[in-house]
Amino acid sequence: MTAATAPAQAVPFTVLVPARLASTRLPDKPLADIAGLPMVVRVAQLAALSGASRVVVAADDARIVSACQAHGVQAVLTRTDHASGSDRLAEACALLGLDGEDVVVNVQGDEPLIDPVLVRRCAELLAERPDCVVSTAAHRLSDLAEYLNPNVVKVVLDAAGRALYFSRAPIPWQRDGATVTAGGSTPALPQPAPLRHLGLYGYRAAFLRRFPTLAAAPLEQTESLEQLRVLWHGERIAVHVAEHGPGPGVDTPDDLARVRALFAAGAAGPVSAR
């Protein structure tokens, strides 16, 4: 299923796209040109195909707001001193009057190939799970190198599809930790396949506004994973397991060149995450 054939939305929701101009690896990243449009505009336009009630960019610089407005994308200007994207989103919720059970989906501004169907699924999942204040997504890993890579975040779930833990370490870890072959012992993927966490979140607006006031968790600081604060404080995160991994995001000049090449080749359409 592609975005063009996605059914009408099952739940009203707002997409917020945090965009920060400063980037050590790619200066002015939100404004980077991709096939004639600023990257943040590409993200917002694609997110709009999810069936969201509205898509709003939460920017830290007037140049981002101007670029969005020039292309018909709603944007709000937030403070420049936020410690994290969640803080920026909380301010945007206040500016937009979002609160209570309003559903907000956070789409990162450096994901110009985000799947609109996956965005919508995060919103639907949160509406389906009154026991959870956050929803997110994951997909099954098939590559051993990704499983062992600390830059690839893994998640393990309970029987109800809620997150038990997120880690940069390879989890779950088989007791023996390796498969013995004639050539010796080599690490192997556990079965069932481990899950890679995707950095896409749905929130109940009241919780998103409260989140920055919660004390940072020791585990969050150890792993450098902000979502662990949610679990540390006893809240629950519902996880949608997608069939496919995401398109490439943009963190570096090499990433930008790769995405530009995909757009130039006409191969930048989203893959269904259903």
C-alpha atoms as a PDB file:
ATOM      1  CA  MET A   1       0.000   0.000   0.000  1.00  0.00           C
ATOM      2  CA  THR A   2       1.355   3.442  -0.860  1.00  0.00           C
ATOM      3  CA  ALA A   3       0.402   6.863   0.443  1.00  0.00           C
ATOM      4  CA  ALA A   4      -1.786   7.395  -2.637  1.00  0.00           C
ATOM      5  CA  THR A   5      -3.975   4.423  -1.724  1.00  0.00           C
ATOM      6  CA  ALA A   6      -4.029   4.948   2.043  1.00  0.00           C
ATOM      7  CA  PRO A   7      -7.543   4.987   3.523  1.00  0.00           C
ATOM      8  CA  ALA A   8      -9.002   8.053   5.164  1.00  0.00           C
ATOM      9  CA  GLN A   9      -7.709   8.870   8.610  1.00  0.00           C
ATOM     10  CA  ALA A  10      -9.228   6.938  11.490  1.00  0.00           C
ATOM     11  CA  VAL A  11      -8.296   9.543  14.094  1.00  0.00           C
ATOM     12  CA  PRO A  12      -7.624  13.291  13.927  1.00  0.00           C
ATOM     13  CA  PHE A  13      -3.991  14.121  14.615  1.00  0.00           C
ATOM     14  CA  THR A  14      -1.415  16.851  14.169  1.00  0.00           C
ATOM     15  CA  VAL A  15       2.067  16.299  12.780  1.00  0.00           C
ATOM     16  CA  LEU A  16       4.804  18.441  14.329  1.00  0.00           C
ATOM     17  CA  VAL A  17       8.163  18.694  12.575  1.00  0.00           C
ATOM     18  CA  PRO A  18      10.920  20.094  14.822  1.00  0.00           C
ATOM     19  CA  ALA A  19      13.556  21.958  12.809  1.00  0.00           C
ATOM     20  CA  ARG A  20      16.769  23.368  14.246  1.00  0.00           C
ATOM     21  CA  LEU A  21      19.019  25.434  11.977  1.00  0.00           C
ATOM     22  CA  ALA A  22      22.303  24.671  13.738  1.00  0.00           C
ATOM     23  CA  SER A  23      23.908  21.351  12.836  1.00  0.00           C
ATOM     24  CA  THR A  24      27.551  20.489  13.380  1.00  0.00           C
ATOM     25  CA  ARG A  25      27.668  17.902  10.593  1.00  0.00           C
ATOM     26  CA  LEU A  26      25.451  19.690   8.062  1.00  0.00           C
ATOM     27  CA  PRO A  27      25.042  23.467   8.538  1.00  0.00           C
ATOM     28  CA  ASP A  28      21.569  24.907   7.814  1.00  0.00           C
ATOM     29  CA  LYS A  29      20.287  21.359   7.373  1.00  0.00           C
ATOM     30  CA  PRO A  30      16.516  22.128   7.304  1.00  0.00           C
ATOM     31  CA  LEU A  31      17.074  24.488   4.367  1.00  0.00           C
ATOM     32  CA  ALA A  32      19.218  22.095   2.333  1.00  0.00           C
ATOM     33  CA  ASP A  33      17.883  21.926  -1.215  1.00  0.00           C
ATOM     34  CA  ILE A  34      16.377  18.613  -2.344  1.00  0.00           C
ATOM     35  CA  ALA A  35      15.085  18.677  -5.913  1.00  0.00           C
ATOM     36  CA  GLY A  36      14.233  22.370  -5.703  1.00  0.00           C
ATOM     37  CA  LEU A  37      12.663  22.500  -2.248  1.00  0.00           C
ATOM     38  CA  PRO A  38      14.089  22.938   1.269  1.00  0.00           C
ATOM     39  CA  MET A  39      14.361  19.608   3.042  1.00  0.00           C
ATOM     40  CA  VAL A  40      11.985  20.615   5.843  1.00  0.00           C
ATOM     41  CA  VAL A  41       9.357  21.501   3.227  1.00  0.00           C
ATOM     42  CA  ARG A  42       9.837  18.086   1.595  1.00  0.00           C
ATOM     43  CA  VAL A  43       9.281  16.440   4.983  1.00  0.00           C
ATOM     44  CA  ALA A  44       6.159  18.483   5.717  1.00  0.00           C
ATOM     45  CA  GLN A  45       4.630  17.840   2.295  1.00  0.00           C
ATOM     46  CA  LEU A  46       5.193  14.111   2.601  1.00  0.00           C
ATOM     47  CA  ALA A  47       3.843  14.031   6.167  1.00  0.00           C
ATOM     48  CA  ALA A  48       0.685  15.782   4.936  1.00  0.00           C
ATOM     49  CA  LEU A  49      -0.081  12.694   2.822  1.00  0.00           C
ATOM     50  CA  SER A  50      -0.635  10.776   6.066  1.00  0.00           C
ATOM     51  CA  GLY A  51      -4.101  12.278   6.471  1.00  0.00           C
ATOM     52  CA  ALA A  52      -3.067  14.521   9.358  1.00  0.00           C
ATOM     53  CA  SER A  53      -5.445  17.323  10.277  1.00  0.00           C
ATOM     54  CA  ARG A  54      -2.494  19.684   9.935  1.00  0.00           C
ATOM     55  CA  VAL A  55       1.271  19.637   9.645  1.00  0.00           C
ATOM     56  CA  VAL A  56       3.237  22.313  11.488  1.00  0.00           C
ATOM     57  CA  VAL A  57       6.984  22.935  11.488  1.00  0.00           C
ATOM     58  CA  ALA A  58       8.348  23.968  14.906  1.00  0.00           C
ATOM     59  CA  ALA A  59      11.365  26.073  13.960  1.00  0.00           C
ATOM     60  CA  ASP A  60      14.104  27.785  15.944  1.00  0.00           C
ATOM     61  CA  ASP A  61      14.937  30.381  13.285  1.00  0.00           C
ATOM     62  CA  ALA A  62      12.879  32.863  11.282  1.00  0.00           C
ATOM     63  CA  ARG A  63      14.583  31.718   8.065  1.00  0.00           C
ATOM     64  CA  ILE A  64      12.986  28.287   8.451  1.00  0.00           C
ATOM     65  CA  VAL A  65       9.585  29.849   9.089  1.00  0.00           C
ATOM     66  CA  SER A  66       9.956  32.044   5.988  1.00  0.00           C
ATOM     67  CA  ALA A  67      10.989  29.089   3.818  1.00  0.00           C
ATOM     68  CA  CYS A  68       7.972  27.102   5.009  1.00  0.00           C
ATOM     69  CA  GLN A  69       5.526  29.946   4.486  1.00  0.00           C
ATOM     70  CA  ALA A  70       6.881  30.517   0.957  1.00  0.00           C
ATOM     71  CA  HIS A  71       5.780  26.983   0.101  1.00  0.00           C
ATOM     72  CA  GLY A  72       2.436  26.958   1.925  1.00  0.00           C
ATOM     73  CA  VAL A  73       3.642  25.029   4.990  1.00  0.00           C
ATOM     74  CA  GLN A  74       2.474  26.197   8.420  1.00  0.00           C
ATOM     75  CA  ALA A  75       5.305  26.967  10.854  1.00  0.00           C
ATOM     76  CA  VAL A  76       5.697  28.404  14.349  1.00  0.00           C
ATOM     77  CA  LEU A  77       8.793  30.048  15.767  1.00  0.00           C
ATOM     78  CA  THR A  78      10.017  28.487  19.029  1.00  0.00           C
ATOM     79  CA  ARG A  79      12.809  29.385  21.404  1.00  0.00           C
ATOM     80  CA  THR A  80      16.434  28.786  20.441  1.00  0.00           C
ATOM     81  CA  ASP A  81      17.547  27.468  23.838  1.00  0.00           C
ATOM     82  CA  HIS A  82      15.649  24.158  23.976  1.00  0.00           C
ATOM     83  CA  ALA A  83      17.745  21.255  25.209  1.00  0.00           C
ATOM     84  CA  SER A  84      15.956  18.704  23.012  1.00  0.00           C
ATOM     85  CA  GLY A  85      13.425  18.283  20.253  1.00  0.00           C
ATOM     86  CA  SER A  86      10.829  17.196  22.817  1.00  0.00           C
ATOM     87  CA  ASP A  87      11.138  20.559  24.568  1.00  0.00           C
ATOM     88  CA  ARG A  88      10.587  22.306  21.239  1.00  0.00           C
ATOM     89  CA  LEU A  89       7.522  20.158  20.557  1.00  0.00           C
ATOM     90  CA  ALA A  90       6.097  20.916  23.989  1.00  0.00           C
ATOM     91  CA  GLU A  91       6.366  24.645  23.295  1.00  0.00           C
ATOM     92  CA  ALA A  92       4.741  24.145  19.882  1.00  0.00           C
ATOM     93  CA  CYS A  93       1.838  22.311  21.551  1.00  0.00           C
ATOM     94  CA  ALA A  94       1.308  25.282  23.838  1.00  0.00           C
ATOM     95  CA  LEU A  95       1.472  27.747  20.932  1.00  0.00           C
ATOM     96  CA  LEU A  96      -1.067  25.703  18.958  1.00  0.00           C
ATOM     97  CA  GLY A  97      -3.392  25.041  21.893  1.00  0.00           C
ATOM     98  CA  LEU A  98      -2.886  21.266  21.797  1.00  0.00           C
ATOM     99  CA  ASP A  99      -3.544  19.520  25.103  1.00  0.00           C
ATOM    100  CA  GLY A 100      -5.280  16.602  26.772  1.00  0.00           C
ATOM    101  CA  GLU A 101      -5.970  13.632  24.491  1.00  0.00           C
ATOM    102  CA  ASP A 102      -5.017  15.465  21.286  1.00  0.00           C
ATOM    103  CA  VAL A 103      -2.761  13.170  19.259  1.00  0.00           C
ATOM    104  CA  VAL A 104       0.548  14.589  18.030  1.00  0.00           C
ATOM    105  CA  VAL A 105       2.982  12.750  15.772  1.00  0.00           C
ATOM    106  CA  ASN A 106       6.596  13.887  15.788  1.00  0.00           C
ATOM    107  CA  VAL A 107       8.233  13.573  12.353  1.00  0.00           C
ATOM    108  CA  GLN A 108      11.898  14.533  12.319  1.00  0.00           C
ATOM    109  CA  GLY A 109      12.825  17.329   9.933  1.00  0.00           C
ATOM    110  CA  ASP A 110      15.703  15.327   8.436  1.00  0.00           C
ATOM    111  CA  GLU A 111      13.539  12.436   7.151  1.00  0.00           C
ATOM    112  CA  PRO A 112      12.598  13.502   3.599  1.00  0.00           C
ATOM    113  CA  LEU A 113      11.642   9.904   2.725  1.00  0.00           C
ATOM    114  CA  ILE A 114       9.358   9.250   5.707  1.00  0.00           C
ATOM    115  CA  ASP A 115       6.461   6.919   4.883  1.00  0.00           C
ATOM    116  CA  PRO A 116       3.118   8.737   5.323  1.00  0.00           C
ATOM    117  CA  VAL A 117       1.378   5.433   6.059  1.00  0.00           C
ATOM    118  CA  LEU A 118       3.742   4.836   8.979  1.00  0.00           C
ATOM    119  CA  VAL A 119       3.037   8.345  10.297  1.00  0.00           C
ATOM    120  CA  ARG A 120      -0.685   7.643  10.246  1.00  0.00           C
ATOM    121  CA  ARG A 121      -0.202   4.238  11.848  1.00  0.00           C
ATOM    122  CA  CYS A 122       1.555   5.818  14.838  1.00  0.00           C
ATOM    123  CA  ALA A 123      -1.447   8.102  15.345  1.00  0.00           C
ATOM    124  CA  GLU A 124      -3.918   5.234  14.998  1.00  0.00           C
ATOM    125  CA  LEU A 125      -1.970   3.039  17.398  1.00  0.00           C
ATOM    126  CA  LEU A 126      -2.068   5.664  20.114  1.00  0.00           C
ATOM    127  CA  ALA A 127      -5.819   6.033  19.678  1.00  0.00           C
ATOM    128  CA  GLU A 128      -6.171   2.246  19.958  1.00  0.00           C
ATOM    129  CA  ARG A 129      -4.069   2.016  23.133  1.00  0.00           C
ATOM    130  CA  PRO A 130      -5.520   4.072  26.002  1.00  0.00           C
ATOM    131  CA  ASP A 131      -2.975   2.399  28.313  1.00  0.00           C
ATOM    132  CA  CYS A 132      -0.089   4.167  26.530  1.00  0.00           C
ATOM    133  CA  VAL A 133       0.941   7.823  26.380  1.00  0.00           C
ATOM    134  CA  VAL A 134       3.412   7.388  23.508  1.00  0.00           C
ATOM    135  CA  SER A 135       3.496   5.289  20.335  1.00  0.00           C
ATOM    136  CA  THR A 136       6.445   4.534  18.099  1.00  0.00           C
ATOM    137  CA  ALA A 137       7.589   2.055  15.453  1.00  0.00           C
ATOM    138  CA  ALA A 138      10.189  -0.613  14.807  1.00  0.00           C
ATOM    139  CA  HIS A 139      11.120  -3.150  12.154  1.00  0.00           C
ATOM    140  CA  ARG A 140      12.814  -6.542  12.206  1.00  0.00           C
ATOM    141  CA  LEU A 141      16.571  -6.640  11.697  1.00  0.00           C
ATOM    142  CA  SER A 142      18.114  -9.053   9.244  1.00  0.00           C
ATOM    143  CA  ASP A 143      21.649  -7.660   9.188  1.00  0.00           C
ATOM    144  CA  LEU A 144      24.114  -8.733  11.879  1.00  0.00           C
ATOM    145  CA  ALA A 145      26.209  -5.572  11.508  1.00  0.00           C
ATOM    146  CA  GLU A 146      23.178  -3.379  12.256  1.00  0.00           C
ATOM    147  CA  TYR A 147      22.300  -5.531  15.263  1.00  0.00           C
ATOM    148  CA  LEU A 148      25.811  -5.001  16.680  1.00  0.00           C
ATOM    149  CA  ASN A 149      26.019  -1.294  15.721  1.00  0.00           C
ATOM    150  CA  PRO A 150      25.546   1.044  18.744  1.00  0.00           C
ATOM    151  CA  ASN A 151      24.182   3.726  16.404  1.00  0.00           C
ATOM    152  CA  VAL A 152      21.250   1.427  15.582  1.00  0.00           C
ATOM    153  CA  VAL A 153      18.827   1.539  18.519  1.00  0.00           C
ATOM    154  CA  LYS A 154      17.097  -1.713  19.420  1.00  0.00           C
ATOM    155  CA  VAL A 155      13.845  -2.274  21.315  1.00  0.00           C
ATOM    156  CA  VAL A 156      12.314  -5.300  23.050  1.00  0.00           C
ATOM    157  CA  LEU A 157       8.550  -5.651  23.596  1.00  0.00           C
ATOM    158  CA  ASP A 158       6.177  -7.267  26.041  1.00  0.00           C
ATOM    159  CA  ALA A 159       3.326  -9.594  25.066  1.00  0.00           C
ATOM    160  CA  ALA A 160       1.011  -6.628  24.477  1.00  0.00           C
ATOM    161  CA  GLY A 161       3.364  -4.897  22.043  1.00  0.00           C
ATOM    162  CA  ARG A 162       4.627  -2.296  24.526  1.00  0.00           C
ATOM    163  CA  ALA A 163       8.270  -1.331  24.850  1.00  0.00           C
ATOM    164  CA  LEU A 164      10.151  -3.022  27.676  1.00  0.00           C
ATOM    165  CA  TYR A 165      13.497  -1.370  26.961  1.00  0.00           C
ATOM    166  CA  PHE A 166      15.466   0.510  24.312  1.00  0.00           C
ATOM    167  CA  SER A 167      19.222   0.103  23.985  1.00  0.00           C
ATOM    168  CA  ARG A 168      22.203   0.757  21.771  1.00  0.00           C
ATOM    169  CA  ALA A 169      23.451  -2.668  22.820  1.00  0.00           C
ATOM    170  CA  PRO A 170      22.395  -5.758  20.837  1.00  0.00           C
ATOM    171  CA  ILE A 171      19.199  -6.845  22.621  1.00  0.00           C
ATOM    172  CA  PRO A 172      17.915  -9.422  23.190  1.00  0.00           C
ATOM    173  CA  TRP A 173      21.250 -11.218  23.586  1.00  0.00           C
ATOM    174  CA  GLN A 174      21.404 -14.992  23.289  1.00  0.00           C
ATOM    175  CA  ARG A 175      22.791 -16.645  26.400  1.00  0.00           C
ATOM    176  CA  ASP A 176      25.719 -18.167  24.509  1.00  0.00           C
ATOM    177  CA  GLY A 177      26.117 -15.052  22.399  1.00  0.00           C
ATOM    178  CA  ALA A 178      27.422 -16.920  19.357  1.00  0.00           C
ATOM    179  CA  THR A 179      26.807 -19.731  16.924  1.00  0.00           C
ATOM    180  CA  VAL A 180      29.457 -22.460  16.899  1.00  0.00           C
ATOM    181  CA  THR A 181      30.538 -23.503  13.420  1.00  0.00           C
ATOM    182  CA  ALA A 182      33.377 -25.544  11.992  1.00  0.00           C
ATOM    183  CA  GLY A 183      35.354 -22.351  11.618  1.00  0.00           C
ATOM    184  CA  GLY A 184      34.799 -21.252  15.212  1.00  0.00           C
ATOM    185  CA  SER A 185      32.289 -19.108  17.098  1.00  0.00           C
ATOM    186  CA  THR A 186      30.657 -16.165  15.396  1.00  0.00           C
ATOM    187  CA  PRO A 187      27.892 -13.834  16.629  1.00  0.00           C
ATOM    188  CA  ALA A 188      24.473 -14.554  15.181  1.00  0.00           C
ATOM    189  CA  LEU A 189      21.108 -12.838  15.117  1.00  0.00           C
ATOM    190  CA  PRO A 190      18.722 -14.204  17.737  1.00  0.00           C
ATOM    191  CA  GLN A 191      15.377 -15.634  16.666  1.00  0.00           C
ATOM    192  CA  PRO A 192      12.796 -14.270  16.483  1.00  0.00           C
ATOM    193  CA  ALA A 193      14.533 -11.361  14.785  1.00  0.00           C
ATOM    194  CA  PRO A 194      15.495  -8.391  16.981  1.00  0.00           C
ATOM    195  CA  LEU A 195      13.762  -5.066  16.402  1.00  0.00           C
ATOM    196  CA  ARG A 196      15.322  -1.813  15.286  1.00  0.00           C
ATOM    197  CA  HIS A 197      13.624   1.247  16.746  1.00  0.00           C
ATOM    198  CA  LEU A 198      12.520   3.943  14.317  1.00  0.00           C
ATOM    199  CA  GLY A 199      12.669   7.542  15.547  1.00  0.00           C
ATOM    200  CA  LEU A 200       9.006   8.359  14.966  1.00  0.00           C
ATOM    201  CA  TYR A 201       6.681   9.096  17.893  1.00  0.00           C
ATOM    202  CA  GLY A 202       3.024   9.685  18.575  1.00  0.00           C
ATOM    203  CA  TYR A 203       2.120  11.495  21.820  1.00  0.00           C
ATOM    204  CA  ARG A 204      -0.901  12.455  23.807  1.00  0.00           C
ATOM    205  CA  ALA A 205      -0.477  16.218  23.882  1.00  0.00           C
ATOM    206  CA  ALA A 206      -0.905  16.490  27.653  1.00  0.00           C
ATOM    207  CA  PHE A 207       1.958  14.050  28.192  1.00  0.00           C
ATOM    208  CA  LEU A 208       4.148  15.763  25.603  1.00  0.00           C
ATOM    209  CA  ARG A 209       3.674  19.070  27.421  1.00  0.00           C
ATOM    210  CA  ARG A 210       4.528  17.349  30.724  1.00  0.00           C
ATOM    211  CA  PHE A 211       7.520  15.392  29.444  1.00  0.00           C
ATOM    212  CA  PRO A 212      10.137  18.192  29.709  1.00  0.00           C
ATOM    213  CA  THR A 213       9.247  18.649  33.382  1.00  0.00           C
ATOM    214  CA  LEU A 214      10.109  15.011  34.219  1.00  0.00           C
ATOM    215  CA  ALA A 215      13.515  14.372  35.717  1.00  0.00           C
ATOM    216  CA  ALA A 216      16.004  12.827  33.316  1.00  0.00           C
ATOM    217  CA  ALA A 217      16.459   9.112  33.954  1.00  0.00           C
ATOM    218  CA  PRO A 218      19.857   7.585  34.790  1.00  0.00           C
ATOM    219  CA  LEU A 219      19.298   5.002  32.043  1.00  0.00           C
ATOM    220  CA  GLU A 220      18.497   7.784  29.599  1.00  0.00           C
ATOM    221  CA  GLN A 221      21.807   9.443  30.379  1.00  0.00           C
ATOM    222  CA  THR A 222      23.759   6.179  30.139  1.00  0.00           C
ATOM    223  CA  GLU A 223      22.292   5.171  26.776  1.00  0.00           C
ATOM    224  CA  SER A 224      21.737   8.722  25.487  1.00  0.00           C
ATOM    225  CA  LEU A 225      18.163   7.735  24.608  1.00  0.00           C
ATOM    226  CA  GLU A 226      15.503  10.214  25.666  1.00  0.00           C
ATOM    227  CA  GLN A 227      12.626   7.726  25.276  1.00  0.00           C
ATOM    228  CA  LEU A 228      13.905   5.797  28.302  1.00  0.00           C
ATOM    229  CA  ARG A 229      12.659   8.679  30.459  1.00  0.00           C
ATOM    230  CA  VAL A 230       9.095   7.665  29.565  1.00  0.00           C
ATOM    231  CA  LEU A 231       9.616   4.105  30.808  1.00  0.00           C
ATOM    232  CA  TRP A 232      11.626   5.222  33.851  1.00  0.00           C
ATOM    233  CA  HIS A 233       8.660   7.254  35.077  1.00  0.00           C
ATOM    234  CA  GLY A 234       6.264   4.320  34.716  1.00  0.00           C
ATOM    235  CA  GLU A 235       4.533   5.326  31.498  1.00  0.00           C
ATOM    236  CA  ARG A 236       3.978   2.988  28.555  1.00  0.00           C
ATOM    237  CA  ILE A 237       4.996   3.130  24.888  1.00  0.00           C
ATOM    238  CA  ALA A 238       3.055   1.170  22.241  1.00  0.00           C
ATOM    239  CA  VAL A 239       5.157  -0.108  19.332  1.00  0.00           C
ATOM    240  CA  HIS A 240       4.027  -0.777  15.767  1.00  0.00           C
ATOM    241  CA  VAL A 241       6.201  -3.363  14.012  1.00  0.00           C
ATOM    242  CA  ALA A 242       6.484  -2.307  10.369  1.00  0.00           C
ATOM    243  CA  GLU A 243       7.225  -4.654   7.519  1.00  0.00           C
ATOM    244  CA  HIS A 244       9.985  -2.484   6.078  1.00  0.00           C
ATOM    245  CA  GLY A 245      12.810  -0.278   7.251  1.00  0.00           C
ATOM    246  CA  PRO A 246      12.769   3.476   6.633  1.00  0.00           C
ATOM    247  CA  GLY A 247      14.235   5.402   3.736  1.00  0.00           C
ATOM    248  CA  PRO A 248      17.566   7.087   4.480  1.00  0.00           C
ATOM    249  CA  GLY A 249      17.590  10.133   6.741  1.00  0.00           C
ATOM    250  CA  VAL A 250      19.966  13.071   6.399  1.00  0.00           C
ATOM    251  CA  ASP A 251      22.661  13.693   9.003  1.00  0.00           C
ATOM    252  CA  THR A 252      25.766  14.319   6.883  1.00  0.00           C
ATOM    253  CA  PRO A 253      26.705  15.756   3.472  1.00  0.00           C
ATOM    254  CA  ASP A 254      27.045  12.174   2.182  1.00  0.00           C
ATOM    255  CA  ASP A 255      23.491  11.400   3.344  1.00  0.00           C
ATOM    256  CA  LEU A 256      22.235  14.515   1.569  1.00  0.00           C
ATOM    257  CA  ALA A 257      23.981  13.498  -1.660  1.00  0.00           C
ATOM    258  CA  ARG A 258      22.409  10.041  -1.472  1.00  0.00           C
ATOM    259  CA  VAL A 259      18.890  11.423  -0.975  1.00  0.00           C
ATOM    260  CA  ARG A 260      19.364  13.967  -3.766  1.00  0.00           C
ATOM    261  CA  ALA A 261      20.419  11.121  -6.067  1.00  0.00           C
ATOM    262  CA  LEU A 262      17.270   9.162  -5.169  1.00  0.00           C
ATOM    263  CA  PHE A 263      15.072  12.145  -5.999  1.00  0.00           C
ATOM    264  CA  ALA A 264      16.956  12.753  -9.246  1.00  0.00           C
ATOM    265  CA  ALA A 265      16.436   9.104 -10.214  1.00  0.00           C
ATOM    266  CA  GLY A 266      12.739   9.233  -9.363  1.00  0.00           C
ATOM    267  CA  ALA A 267      13.255   6.544  -6.714  1.00  0.00           C
ATOM    268  CA  ALA A 268      12.278   8.603  -3.677  1.00  0.00           C
ATOM    269  CA  GLY A 269       8.695   7.410  -3.228  1.00  0.00           C
ATOM    270  CA  PRO A 270       7.884   6.040   0.245  1.00  0.00           C
ATOM    271  CA  VAL A 271       7.678   2.325   0.861  1.00  0.00           C
ATOM    272  CA  SER A 272       4.572   1.230   2.718  1.00  0.00           C
ATOM    273  CA  ALA A 273       5.258   0.512   6.373  1.00  0.00           C
ATOM    274  CA  ARG A 274       2.100  -1.516   6.849  1.00  0.00           C
END
